[in-house]
C-alpha atoms as a PDB file:
ATOM      1  CA  MET A   1      40.068  30.346-235.239  1.00  0.00           C
ATOM      2  CA  THR A   2      38.276  32.509-232.684  1.00  0.00           C
ATOM      3  CA  GLN A   3      34.760  33.620-231.811  1.00  0.00           C
ATOM      4  CA  ILE A   4      33.677  36.932-230.319  1.00  0.00           C
ATOM      5  CA  ILE A   5      31.196  36.996-227.456  1.00  0.00           C
ATOM      6  CA  ASN A   6      29.536  40.242-226.326  1.00  0.00           C
ATOM      7  CA  VAL A   7      27.683  40.006-223.049  1.00  0.00           C
ATOM      8  CA  TYR A   8      26.164  42.729-220.853  1.00  0.00           C
ATOM      9  CA  PHE A   9      26.052  43.088-217.062  1.00  0.00           C
ATOM     10  CA  LYS A  10      24.310  45.412-214.617  1.00  0.00           C
ATOM     11  CA  THR A  11      27.434  46.019-212.528  1.00  0.00           C
ATOM     12  CA  GLU A  12      31.164  46.217-213.096  1.00  0.00           C
ATOM     13  CA  ASP A  13      31.709  43.642-210.331  1.00  0.00           C
ATOM     14  CA  GLU A  14      29.556  41.079-212.166  1.00  0.00           C
ATOM     15  CA  ALA A  15      31.420  41.717-215.425  1.00  0.00           C
ATOM     16  CA  GLU A  16      34.832  41.473-213.746  1.00  0.00           C
ATOM     17  CA  LYS A  17      33.826  38.231-212.005  1.00  0.00           C
ATOM     18  CA  ALA A  18      32.872  36.660-215.343  1.00  0.00           C
ATOM     19  CA  LYS A  19      36.076  38.009-216.907  1.00  0.00           C
ATOM     20  CA  ALA A  20      38.176  36.350-214.182  1.00  0.00           C
ATOM     21  CA  HIS A  21      36.516  32.981-214.849  1.00  0.00           C
ATOM     22  CA  LEU A  22      36.938  33.323-218.623  1.00  0.00           C
ATOM     23  CA  GLN A  23      40.623  34.226-218.351  1.00  0.00           C
ATOM     24  CA  GLN A  24      41.294  30.621-217.343  1.00  0.00           C
ATOM     25  CA  LEU A  25      40.507  29.670-220.968  1.00  0.00           C
ATOM     26  CA  LYS A  26      42.345  30.385-224.221  1.00  0.00           C
ATOM     27  CA  VAL A  27      41.251  33.973-224.766  1.00  0.00           C
ATOM     28  CA  LYS A  28      42.807  36.120-227.444  1.00  0.00           C
ATOM     29  CA  ASP A  29      41.341  39.376-226.141  1.00  0.00           C
ATOM     30  CA  ILE A  30      39.062  40.253-223.232  1.00  0.00           C
ATOM     31  CA  SER A  31      37.820  43.591-221.912  1.00  0.00           C
ATOM     32  CA  VAL A  32      35.162  45.165-219.727  1.00  0.00           C
ATOM     33  CA  GLU A  33      33.816  48.504-220.894  1.00  0.00           C
ATOM     34  CA  GLU A  34      31.410  50.899-219.271  1.00  0.00           C
ATOM     35  CA  MET A  35      28.520  51.545-221.638  1.00  0.00           C
ATOM     36  CA  PRO A  36      27.325  55.071-222.318  1.00  0.00           C
ATOM     37  CA  GLU A  37      23.631  55.732-222.016  1.00  0.00           C
ATOM     38  CA  ALA A  38      21.922  55.004-225.310  1.00  0.00           C
ATOM     39  CA  SER A  39      19.812  57.711-226.858  1.00  0.00           C
ATOM     40  CA  GLY A  40      17.324  55.141-228.149  1.00  0.00           C
ATOM     41  CA  THR A  41      15.737  52.141-226.520  1.00  0.00           C
ATOM     42  CA  THR A  42      17.825  49.000-226.443  1.00  0.00           C
ATOM     43  CA  ILE A  43      16.117  45.828-225.293  1.00  0.00           C
ATOM     44  CA  TYR A  44      18.204  43.217-223.508  1.00  0.00           C
ATOM     45  CA  VAL A  45      17.244  39.613-222.851  1.00  0.00           C
ATOM     46  CA  PRO A  46      18.941  37.016-220.667  1.00  0.00           C
ATOM     47  CA  PHE A  47      21.936  35.504-222.442  1.00  0.00           C
ATOM     48  CA  PHE A  48      20.555  32.060-221.607  1.00  0.00           C
ATOM     49  CA  PRO A  49      16.736  32.111-221.422  1.00  0.00           C
ATOM     50  CA  THR A  50      15.469  29.814-218.690  1.00  0.00           C
ATOM     51  CA  ASN A  51      12.430  28.650-220.621  1.00  0.00           C
ATOM     52  CA  ALA A  52      13.996  27.893-224.008  1.00  0.00           C
ATOM     53  CA  GLY A  53      12.675  24.756-225.650  1.00  0.00           C
ATOM     54  CA  THR A  54      16.107  23.740-226.927  1.00  0.00           C
ATOM     55  CA  SER A  55      19.607  24.376-225.691  1.00  0.00           C
ATOM     56  CA  ALA A  56      21.027  25.447-229.043  1.00  0.00           C
ATOM     57  CA  ALA A  57      23.589  28.217-228.810  1.00  0.00           C
ATOM     58  CA  SER A  58      23.695  30.421-231.869  1.00  0.00           C
ATOM     59  CA  GLY A  59      27.100  32.003-232.450  1.00  0.00           C
ATOM     60  CA  SER A  60      27.820  34.859-230.101  1.00  0.00           C
ATOM     61  CA  GLN A  61      24.148  35.484-229.372  1.00  0.00           C
ATOM     62  CA  GLY A  62      23.697  32.803-226.748  1.00  0.00           C
ATOM     63  CA  GLY A  63      20.741  30.452-226.644  1.00  0.00           C
ATOM     64  CA  LEU A  64      17.593  31.724-228.270  1.00  0.00           C
ATOM     65  CA  GLY A  65      14.153  31.270-226.827  1.00  0.00           C
ATOM     66  CA  SER A  66      11.402  33.270-225.228  1.00  0.00           C
ATOM     67  CA  ALA A  67      12.306  35.305-222.172  1.00  0.00           C
ATOM     68  CA  ALA A  68      11.114  38.510-220.608  1.00  0.00           C
ATOM     69  CA  PRO A  69      13.149  41.398-222.035  1.00  0.00           C
ATOM     70  CA  ILE A  70      14.825  44.004-219.900  1.00  0.00           C
ATOM     71  CA  ILE A  71      14.471  47.573-221.054  1.00  0.00           C
ATOM     72  CA  PRO A  72      16.899  49.991-219.433  1.00  0.00           C
ATOM     73  CA  ALA A  73      15.057  52.250-217.027  1.00  0.00           C
ATOM     74  CA  VAL A  74      15.082  56.008-217.229  1.00  0.00           C
ATOM     75  CA  GLU A  75      17.366  57.801-214.799  1.00  0.00           C
ATOM     76  CA  ALA A  76      15.670  58.372-211.468  1.00  0.00           C
ATOM     77  CA  ASP A  77      15.532  61.766-209.739  1.00  0.00           C
ATOM     78  CA  ASP A  78      18.467  60.786-207.512  1.00  0.00           C
ATOM     79  CA  GLY A  79      20.695  60.115-210.537  1.00  0.00           C
ATOM     80  CA  GLU A  80      20.751  56.354-210.014  1.00  0.00           C
ATOM     81  CA  GLN A  81      20.139  53.930-212.869  1.00  0.00           C
ATOM     82  CA  ASP A  82      17.735  51.073-212.271  1.00  0.00           C
ATOM     83  CA  ASP A  83      18.024  47.907-214.402  1.00  0.00           C
ATOM     84  CA  HIS A  84      20.328  49.606-216.895  1.00  0.00           C
ATOM     85  CA  LEU A  85      22.987  47.290-218.248  1.00  0.00           C
ATOM     86  CA  MET A  86      26.052  49.450-217.887  1.00  0.00           C
ATOM     87  CA  HIS A  87      28.985  47.097-218.597  1.00  0.00           C
ATOM     88  CA  LEU A  88      29.966  45.164-221.701  1.00  0.00           C
ATOM     89  CA  LEU A  89      32.245  42.151-221.455  1.00  0.00           C
ATOM     90  CA  ARG A  90      33.773  41.472-224.849  1.00  0.00           C
ATOM     91  CA  VAL A  91      35.832  38.325-225.256  1.00  0.00           C
ATOM     92  CA  GLU A  92      37.553  36.812-228.258  1.00  0.00           C
ATOM     93  CA  ILE A  93      38.045  33.147-227.507  1.00  0.00           C
ATOM     94  CA  GLU A  94      39.585  30.190-229.288  1.00  0.00           C
ATOM     95  CA  ASP A  95      37.044  27.824-230.868  1.00  0.00           C
ATOM     96  CA  GLN A  96      38.115  24.869-228.714  1.00  0.00           C
ATOM     97  CA  ASP A  97      37.163  26.796-225.539  1.00  0.00           C
ATOM     98  CA  TYR A  98      33.904  28.304-226.819  1.00  0.00           C
ATOM     99  CA  GLU A  99      31.620  25.696-225.221  1.00  0.00           C
ATOM    100  CA  GLU A 100      33.426  26.028-221.883  1.00  0.00           C
ATOM    101  CA  ALA A 101      33.024  29.818-222.104  1.00  0.00           C
ATOM    102  CA  MET A 102      29.288  29.330-222.665  1.00  0.00           C
ATOM    103  CA  SER A 103      29.158  27.097-219.576  1.00  0.00           C
ATOM    104  CA  ILE A 104      30.888  29.782-217.504  1.00  0.00           C
ATOM    105  CA  LEU A 105      28.553  32.507-218.771  1.00  0.00           C
ATOM    106  CA  LYS A 106      25.521  30.337-218.085  1.00  0.00           C
ATOM    107  CA  GLU A 107      26.370  30.615-214.381  1.00  0.00           C
ATOM    108  CA  GLN A 108      26.417  34.437-214.545  1.00  0.00           C
ATOM    109  CA  ASP A 109      23.611  37.008-214.541  1.00  0.00           C
ATOM    110  CA  CYS A 110      24.320  38.275-218.046  1.00  0.00           C
ATOM    111  CA  TYR A 111      22.356  39.599-221.001  1.00  0.00           C
ATOM    112  CA  ARG A 112      22.513  40.188-224.732  1.00  0.00           C
ATOM    113  CA  ILE A 113      20.796  42.619-227.066  1.00  0.00           C
ATOM    114  CA  ARG A 114      17.515  41.295-228.434  1.00  0.00           C
ATOM    115  CA  THR A 115      17.611  40.672-232.175  1.00  0.00           C
ATOM    116  CA  GLU A 116      14.924  41.809-234.603  1.00  0.00           C
ATOM    117  CA  LYS A 117      13.902  38.170-235.218  1.00  0.00           C
ATOM    118  CA  GLU A 118      12.819  37.682-231.593  1.00  0.00           C
END
């Protein structure tokens, strides 16, 4: 059986670095995609909050806990994006390597979309 992990990065280099580390595991599918600008507001939070009371990982959402959200910034006058998470790393990984994948991602500067329950 496999699990799907969706994780967001600010740069393509960061996403590709994480992808390279994850490819050492039993992955069924892995890709890095550039994200189009969203028309609405999407709020991202760190994949692994640093101040979570417990270390429970919940499915493909990463550890839950309180953390300062990141809201993508509006495009600046010079056309540059500030703090906009532009790259999605999507990985389908075998169950036996899921915990190792979480350990690898914990070392990266990655984010997830905040859920309504948070």
